[in-house]
N, C-alpha and C. Protein backbone atom coordinates (compact mmCIF):
# COMPACT_ATOMS: atom_id res chain seq x y z
N MET A 1 0.82 -1.20 0.00
CA MET A 1 0.00 0.00 0.00
C MET A 1 0.85 1.25 0.00
N LEU A 2 1.97 1.16 0.68
CA LEU A 2 2.85 2.32 0.76
C LEU A 2 3.42 2.67 -0.60
N ALA A 3 3.73 1.67 -1.39
CA ALA A 3 4.25 1.92 -2.74
C ALA A 3 3.20 2.61 -3.61
N TRP A 4 1.93 2.21 -3.47
CA TRP A 4 0.86 2.86 -4.24
C TRP A 4 0.72 4.32 -3.82
N SER A 5 0.91 4.58 -2.53
CA SER A 5 0.83 5.97 -2.07
C SER A 5 1.93 6.82 -2.69
N ILE A 6 3.11 6.26 -2.78
CA ILE A 6 4.22 7.00 -3.38
C ILE A 6 3.99 7.20 -4.87
N LEU A 7 3.42 6.20 -5.54
CA LEU A 7 3.13 6.32 -6.97
C LEU A 7 2.05 7.37 -7.26
N ALA A 8 1.19 7.64 -6.31
CA ALA A 8 0.09 8.59 -6.53
C ALA A 8 0.55 10.04 -6.52
N ILE A 9 1.68 10.32 -5.92
CA ILE A 9 2.11 11.72 -5.75
C ILE A 9 2.29 12.45 -7.07
N PRO A 10 3.01 11.91 -8.06
CA PRO A 10 3.14 12.67 -9.32
C PRO A 10 1.81 12.91 -10.01
N PHE A 11 0.92 11.93 -9.97
CA PHE A 11 -0.38 12.10 -10.60
C PHE A 11 -1.20 13.17 -9.89
N THR A 12 -1.09 13.21 -8.56
CA THR A 12 -1.84 14.20 -7.79
C THR A 12 -1.35 15.61 -8.07
N ILE A 13 -0.07 15.77 -8.29
CA ILE A 13 0.49 17.11 -8.49
C ILE A 13 0.37 17.57 -9.94
N PHE A 14 0.70 16.70 -10.89
CA PHE A 14 0.80 17.14 -12.28
C PHE A 14 -0.46 16.97 -13.11
N THR A 15 -1.41 16.15 -12.66
CA THR A 15 -2.62 15.92 -13.45
C THR A 15 -3.44 17.19 -13.65
N PRO A 16 -3.66 18.03 -12.65
CA PRO A 16 -4.50 19.21 -12.89
C PRO A 16 -3.95 20.17 -13.94
N MET A 17 -2.66 20.14 -14.19
CA MET A 17 -2.06 21.06 -15.15
C MET A 17 -1.94 20.49 -16.56
N SER A 18 -2.53 19.32 -16.81
CA SER A 18 -2.40 18.71 -18.13
C SER A 18 -3.19 19.51 -19.16
N PRO A 19 -2.63 19.69 -20.35
CA PRO A 19 -3.28 20.51 -21.37
C PRO A 19 -4.38 19.79 -22.16
N ASN A 20 -4.37 18.48 -22.17
CA ASN A 20 -5.29 17.70 -22.99
C ASN A 20 -6.32 17.01 -22.10
N VAL A 21 -7.55 16.89 -22.56
CA VAL A 21 -8.61 16.25 -21.78
C VAL A 21 -8.31 14.78 -21.56
N TYR A 22 -7.79 14.10 -22.54
CA TYR A 22 -7.50 12.67 -22.40
C TYR A 22 -6.36 12.43 -21.42
N VAL A 23 -5.37 13.28 -21.44
CA VAL A 23 -4.28 13.18 -20.47
C VAL A 23 -4.82 13.46 -19.06
N LEU A 24 -5.71 14.44 -18.96
CA LEU A 24 -6.31 14.77 -17.66
C LEU A 24 -7.11 13.59 -17.11
N LEU A 25 -7.95 12.99 -17.93
CA LEU A 25 -8.75 11.86 -17.47
C LEU A 25 -7.89 10.65 -17.11
N THR A 26 -6.84 10.42 -17.89
CA THR A 26 -5.92 9.32 -17.58
C THR A 26 -5.21 9.59 -16.25
N GLY A 27 -4.78 10.82 -16.05
CA GLY A 27 -4.12 11.18 -14.79
C GLY A 27 -5.04 11.07 -13.60
N VAL A 28 -6.30 11.47 -13.77
CA VAL A 28 -7.27 11.34 -12.68
C VAL A 28 -7.51 9.87 -12.36
N PHE A 29 -7.57 9.04 -13.39
CA PHE A 29 -7.74 7.59 -13.17
C PHE A 29 -6.60 7.03 -12.35
N PHE A 30 -5.36 7.33 -12.74
CA PHE A 30 -4.21 6.79 -12.02
C PHE A 30 -4.05 7.42 -10.64
N ALA A 31 -4.39 8.69 -10.49
CA ALA A 31 -4.34 9.31 -9.17
C ALA A 31 -5.34 8.67 -8.23
N THR A 32 -6.52 8.35 -8.74
CA THR A 32 -7.54 7.69 -7.91
C THR A 32 -7.14 6.25 -7.61
N LEU A 33 -6.62 5.56 -8.61
CA LEU A 33 -6.20 4.17 -8.42
C LEU A 33 -5.08 4.07 -7.39
N CYS A 34 -4.06 4.90 -7.56
CA CYS A 34 -2.91 4.83 -6.66
C CYS A 34 -3.19 5.50 -5.32
N GLY A 35 -4.02 6.53 -5.32
CA GLY A 35 -4.29 7.27 -4.09
C GLY A 35 -5.33 6.64 -3.20
N ALA A 36 -5.90 5.53 -3.61
CA ALA A 36 -6.89 4.86 -2.77
C ALA A 36 -6.29 4.39 -1.46
N ALA A 37 -5.00 4.17 -1.44
CA ALA A 37 -4.35 3.75 -0.19
C ALA A 37 -4.46 4.82 0.88
N TRP A 38 -4.52 6.09 0.47
CA TRP A 38 -4.64 7.16 1.45
C TRP A 38 -5.96 7.07 2.20
N ALA A 39 -6.99 6.66 1.54
CA ALA A 39 -8.29 6.54 2.18
C ALA A 39 -8.42 5.25 2.97
N VAL A 40 -7.55 4.28 2.69
CA VAL A 40 -7.67 2.98 3.32
C VAL A 40 -6.79 2.84 4.56
N MET A 41 -5.66 3.51 4.59
CA MET A 41 -4.71 3.28 5.67
C MET A 41 -5.26 3.68 7.04
N MET A 42 -5.96 4.81 7.14
CA MET A 42 -6.48 5.23 8.43
C MET A 42 -7.53 4.27 8.97
N PRO A 43 -8.54 3.85 8.18
CA PRO A 43 -9.48 2.86 8.71
C PRO A 43 -8.83 1.52 9.06
N VAL A 44 -7.81 1.13 8.31
CA VAL A 44 -7.10 -0.11 8.67
C VAL A 44 -6.42 0.05 10.02
N GLY A 45 -5.85 1.22 10.25
CA GLY A 45 -5.25 1.48 11.56
C GLY A 45 -6.27 1.43 12.68
N PHE A 46 -7.46 1.95 12.42
CA PHE A 46 -8.52 1.86 13.43
C PHE A 46 -8.89 0.41 13.71
N GLN A 47 -8.99 -0.39 12.67
CA GLN A 47 -9.37 -1.79 12.84
C GLN A 47 -8.30 -2.57 13.60
N LEU A 48 -7.04 -2.20 13.40
CA LEU A 48 -5.96 -2.93 14.06
C LEU A 48 -5.77 -2.54 15.51
N TYR A 49 -5.98 -1.25 15.84
CA TYR A 49 -5.57 -0.77 17.16
C TYR A 49 -6.70 -0.27 18.05
N ALA A 50 -7.84 0.05 17.51
CA ALA A 50 -8.93 0.56 18.34
C ALA A 50 -9.60 -0.60 19.09
N PRO A 51 -10.02 -0.33 20.32
CA PRO A 51 -10.78 -1.37 21.02
C PRO A 51 -12.05 -1.71 20.23
N SER A 52 -12.49 -2.93 20.33
CA SER A 52 -13.59 -3.39 19.49
C SER A 52 -14.87 -2.58 19.71
N ARG A 53 -15.13 -2.10 20.90
CA ARG A 53 -16.33 -1.31 21.14
C ARG A 53 -16.20 0.14 20.69
N MET A 54 -15.00 0.56 20.34
CA MET A 54 -14.78 1.95 19.95
C MET A 54 -14.57 2.12 18.45
N ARG A 55 -14.50 1.05 17.70
CA ARG A 55 -14.18 1.15 16.28
C ARG A 55 -15.20 1.97 15.50
N ALA A 56 -16.45 1.77 15.77
CA ALA A 56 -17.49 2.52 15.05
C ALA A 56 -17.41 4.01 15.36
N ARG A 57 -17.12 4.34 16.60
CA ARG A 57 -16.99 5.76 16.97
C ARG A 57 -15.78 6.38 16.29
N PHE A 58 -14.66 5.66 16.27
CA PHE A 58 -13.47 6.18 15.60
C PHE A 58 -13.75 6.42 14.12
N MET A 59 -14.41 5.47 13.48
CA MET A 59 -14.71 5.63 12.05
C MET A 59 -15.67 6.78 11.82
N ALA A 60 -16.66 6.94 12.69
CA ALA A 60 -17.61 8.05 12.54
C ALA A 60 -16.90 9.39 12.68
N LEU A 61 -16.03 9.50 13.67
CA LEU A 61 -15.29 10.76 13.84
C LEU A 61 -14.33 11.01 12.69
N TYR A 62 -13.70 9.94 12.20
CA TYR A 62 -12.79 10.09 11.07
C TYR A 62 -13.55 10.56 9.83
N LEU A 63 -14.68 9.93 9.52
CA LEU A 63 -15.46 10.34 8.35
C LEU A 63 -16.00 11.75 8.50
N LEU A 64 -16.43 12.11 9.70
CA LEU A 64 -16.92 13.46 9.94
C LEU A 64 -15.81 14.49 9.72
N ALA A 65 -14.65 14.25 10.31
CA ALA A 65 -13.55 15.20 10.18
C ALA A 65 -13.04 15.27 8.74
N ALA A 66 -12.89 14.12 8.09
CA ALA A 66 -12.39 14.12 6.72
C ALA A 66 -13.35 14.83 5.77
N ASN A 67 -14.64 14.60 5.93
CA ASN A 67 -15.61 15.25 5.05
C ASN A 67 -15.76 16.74 5.35
N LEU A 68 -15.75 17.10 6.62
CA LEU A 68 -15.84 18.53 6.94
C LEU A 68 -14.64 19.30 6.41
N LEU A 69 -13.46 18.74 6.60
CA LEU A 69 -12.27 19.42 6.09
C LEU A 69 -12.22 19.38 4.56
N GLY A 70 -12.48 18.23 4.00
CA GLY A 70 -12.37 18.08 2.55
C GLY A 70 -13.40 18.86 1.78
N LEU A 71 -14.62 18.90 2.28
CA LEU A 71 -15.69 19.58 1.55
C LEU A 71 -15.79 21.06 1.87
N SER A 72 -15.22 21.50 2.98
CA SER A 72 -15.30 22.93 3.30
C SER A 72 -13.99 23.65 3.00
N VAL A 73 -12.88 23.10 3.40
CA VAL A 73 -11.60 23.77 3.20
C VAL A 73 -11.06 23.55 1.79
N GLY A 74 -11.30 22.37 1.21
CA GLY A 74 -10.74 22.04 -0.10
C GLY A 74 -11.11 23.01 -1.21
N PRO A 75 -12.39 23.25 -1.48
CA PRO A 75 -12.74 24.18 -2.56
C PRO A 75 -12.29 25.61 -2.29
N ILE A 76 -12.38 26.03 -1.05
CA ILE A 76 -11.93 27.39 -0.71
C ILE A 76 -10.44 27.53 -0.92
N ALA A 77 -9.69 26.50 -0.53
CA ALA A 77 -8.23 26.55 -0.72
C ALA A 77 -7.87 26.53 -2.21
N ALA A 78 -8.61 25.77 -3.01
CA ALA A 78 -8.32 25.74 -4.45
C ALA A 78 -8.51 27.11 -5.07
N VAL A 79 -9.58 27.79 -4.71
CA VAL A 79 -9.82 29.13 -5.25
C VAL A 79 -8.79 30.12 -4.72
N TYR A 80 -8.42 29.99 -3.45
CA TYR A 80 -7.41 30.88 -2.88
C TYR A 80 -6.08 30.72 -3.60
N PHE A 81 -5.64 29.49 -3.76
CA PHE A 81 -4.36 29.26 -4.44
C PHE A 81 -4.44 29.64 -5.92
N ALA A 82 -5.61 29.53 -6.51
CA ALA A 82 -5.77 29.97 -7.91
C ALA A 82 -5.58 31.47 -8.01
N GLY A 83 -6.01 32.20 -7.00
CA GLY A 83 -5.82 33.65 -7.00
C GLY A 83 -4.37 34.07 -6.90
N LEU A 84 -3.53 33.20 -6.40
CA LEU A 84 -2.11 33.52 -6.30
C LEU A 84 -1.37 33.39 -7.63
N TRP A 85 -1.97 32.71 -8.59
CA TRP A 85 -1.36 32.51 -9.90
C TRP A 85 -1.89 33.55 -10.87
N LYS A 86 -1.51 34.77 -10.70
CA LYS A 86 -1.96 35.85 -11.57
C LYS A 86 -1.29 35.70 -12.94
N GLY A 87 -2.09 35.84 -13.97
CA GLY A 87 -1.57 35.78 -15.33
C GLY A 87 -1.39 34.39 -15.89
N ALA A 88 -1.70 33.37 -15.12
CA ALA A 88 -1.59 32.00 -15.62
C ALA A 88 -2.77 31.71 -16.54
N PRO A 89 -2.59 30.89 -17.57
CA PRO A 89 -3.70 30.62 -18.48
C PRO A 89 -4.86 29.87 -17.81
N ARG A 90 -4.55 28.98 -16.89
CA ARG A 90 -5.59 28.25 -16.15
C ARG A 90 -5.24 28.27 -14.67
N PRO A 91 -5.59 29.33 -13.98
CA PRO A 91 -5.16 29.44 -12.58
C PRO A 91 -5.78 28.41 -11.65
N LEU A 92 -7.01 27.97 -11.94
CA LEU A 92 -7.63 26.98 -11.06
C LEU A 92 -6.89 25.63 -11.12
N ALA A 93 -6.37 25.29 -12.28
CA ALA A 93 -5.56 24.07 -12.39
C ALA A 93 -4.29 24.19 -11.56
N HIS A 94 -3.68 25.37 -11.57
CA HIS A 94 -2.47 25.56 -10.76
C HIS A 94 -2.82 25.55 -9.27
N GLY A 95 -4.00 26.08 -8.92
CA GLY A 95 -4.43 26.03 -7.53
C GLY A 95 -4.64 24.61 -7.06
N ALA A 96 -5.25 23.77 -7.91
CA ALA A 96 -5.45 22.35 -7.56
C ALA A 96 -4.11 21.62 -7.45
N ALA A 97 -3.17 21.95 -8.32
CA ALA A 97 -1.85 21.34 -8.24
C ALA A 97 -1.12 21.77 -6.96
N THR A 98 -1.33 23.00 -6.55
CA THR A 98 -0.72 23.47 -5.31
C THR A 98 -1.28 22.71 -4.12
N ILE A 99 -2.57 22.46 -4.13
CA ILE A 99 -3.16 21.65 -3.06
C ILE A 99 -2.56 20.25 -3.07
N GLY A 100 -2.35 19.69 -4.26
CA GLY A 100 -1.70 18.38 -4.34
C GLY A 100 -0.30 18.39 -3.78
N MET A 101 0.45 19.48 -4.03
CA MET A 101 1.81 19.58 -3.49
C MET A 101 1.81 19.70 -1.98
N ILE A 102 0.76 20.28 -1.42
CA ILE A 102 0.68 20.42 0.03
C ILE A 102 0.14 19.14 0.67
N ALA A 103 -0.89 18.55 0.07
CA ALA A 103 -1.56 17.40 0.69
C ALA A 103 -0.78 16.10 0.54
N ALA A 104 -0.09 15.92 -0.57
CA ALA A 104 0.59 14.64 -0.82
C ALA A 104 1.63 14.29 0.25
N PRO A 105 2.52 15.21 0.63
CA PRO A 105 3.47 14.83 1.69
C PRO A 105 2.80 14.57 3.04
N ILE A 106 1.73 15.30 3.33
CA ILE A 106 1.02 15.08 4.60
C ILE A 106 0.39 13.69 4.60
N LEU A 107 -0.29 13.35 3.51
CA LEU A 107 -0.94 12.05 3.43
C LEU A 107 0.08 10.91 3.42
N LEU A 108 1.20 11.12 2.74
CA LEU A 108 2.24 10.09 2.71
C LEU A 108 2.83 9.89 4.10
N THR A 109 3.00 10.96 4.84
CA THR A 109 3.51 10.85 6.20
C THR A 109 2.54 10.07 7.08
N CYS A 110 1.25 10.31 6.92
CA CYS A 110 0.25 9.54 7.68
C CYS A 110 0.29 8.07 7.31
N CYS A 111 0.42 7.77 6.02
CA CYS A 111 0.49 6.37 5.58
C CYS A 111 1.72 5.68 6.15
N ILE A 112 2.85 6.37 6.14
CA ILE A 112 4.08 5.78 6.68
C ILE A 112 3.94 5.55 8.17
N ALA A 113 3.31 6.50 8.88
CA ALA A 113 3.14 6.35 10.33
C ALA A 113 2.28 5.14 10.67
N VAL A 114 1.18 4.95 9.94
CA VAL A 114 0.32 3.79 10.20
C VAL A 114 1.06 2.50 9.83
N TYR A 115 1.78 2.52 8.73
CA TYR A 115 2.51 1.33 8.29
C TYR A 115 3.58 0.95 9.31
N ARG A 116 4.31 1.94 9.83
CA ARG A 116 5.34 1.64 10.82
C ARG A 116 4.74 1.20 12.15
N ALA A 117 3.63 1.83 12.53
CA ALA A 117 2.98 1.45 13.79
C ALA A 117 2.48 0.02 13.73
N ALA A 118 2.07 -0.40 12.55
CA ALA A 118 1.59 -1.78 12.38
C ALA A 118 2.75 -2.76 12.22
N GLY A 119 3.95 -2.25 12.09
CA GLY A 119 5.10 -3.12 11.95
C GLY A 119 5.12 -3.86 10.63
N GLY A 120 4.53 -3.26 9.58
CA GLY A 120 4.49 -3.89 8.27
C GLY A 120 3.40 -4.93 8.12
N ARG A 121 2.51 -5.03 9.13
CA ARG A 121 1.46 -6.05 9.09
C ARG A 121 0.20 -5.58 8.40
N VAL A 122 0.14 -4.34 7.97
CA VAL A 122 -1.11 -3.77 7.44
C VAL A 122 -1.60 -4.55 6.24
N SER A 123 -0.74 -4.79 5.27
CA SER A 123 -1.17 -5.48 4.06
C SER A 123 -1.59 -6.91 4.35
N ALA A 124 -0.84 -7.59 5.19
CA ALA A 124 -1.15 -8.99 5.46
C ALA A 124 -2.47 -9.12 6.21
N GLN A 125 -2.68 -8.30 7.24
CA GLN A 125 -3.92 -8.42 8.00
C GLN A 125 -5.11 -7.91 7.21
N ALA A 126 -4.93 -6.89 6.40
CA ALA A 126 -6.04 -6.41 5.58
C ALA A 126 -6.44 -7.50 4.58
N GLY A 127 -5.47 -8.20 4.03
CA GLY A 127 -5.78 -9.29 3.12
C GLY A 127 -6.49 -10.43 3.81
N LYS A 128 -6.12 -10.76 5.04
CA LYS A 128 -6.78 -11.81 5.80
C LYS A 128 -8.21 -11.42 6.10
N ALA A 129 -8.44 -10.14 6.40
CA ALA A 129 -9.81 -9.68 6.70
C ALA A 129 -10.70 -9.79 5.47
N VAL A 130 -10.14 -9.49 4.30
CA VAL A 130 -10.92 -9.59 3.07
C VAL A 130 -11.23 -11.04 2.76
N ILE A 131 -10.25 -11.93 2.96
CA ILE A 131 -10.48 -13.35 2.68
C ILE A 131 -11.49 -13.93 3.67
N ALA A 132 -11.41 -13.52 4.94
CA ALA A 132 -12.34 -14.04 5.95
C ALA A 132 -13.77 -13.55 5.69
N ALA A 133 -13.91 -12.36 5.11
CA ALA A 133 -15.24 -11.82 4.86
C ALA A 133 -15.94 -12.51 3.69
N THR A 134 -15.16 -13.12 2.79
CA THR A 134 -15.78 -13.75 1.62
C THR A 134 -16.15 -15.18 1.87
């Protein structure tokens, strides 16, 4: 999962600035494919370390915080950073790329922290949970 997180960084930063629609859609596809680990690592950490009676509360708080921050701060930050690119042909694309440059290292640091805290067991235990559920 950690390797997928690292692979997602270039797509997250450079995709918004692509000049062609097909390149943009391809970049969004790969950014979503590779960046899915960012959305998975935190819930996996909750499943591994939270007490069994607290897991639902942790997930509810995580989803609440992630959605409140992502849906309220994200669009405002994109427009703010777009305003800093005066004279650019597509300032909103540069604003989105700036958000990618800020968010990618933060998310990668969180993924590394969960991976190290799990002692490298995240992938193995997540795979066992998927196999046990089927």
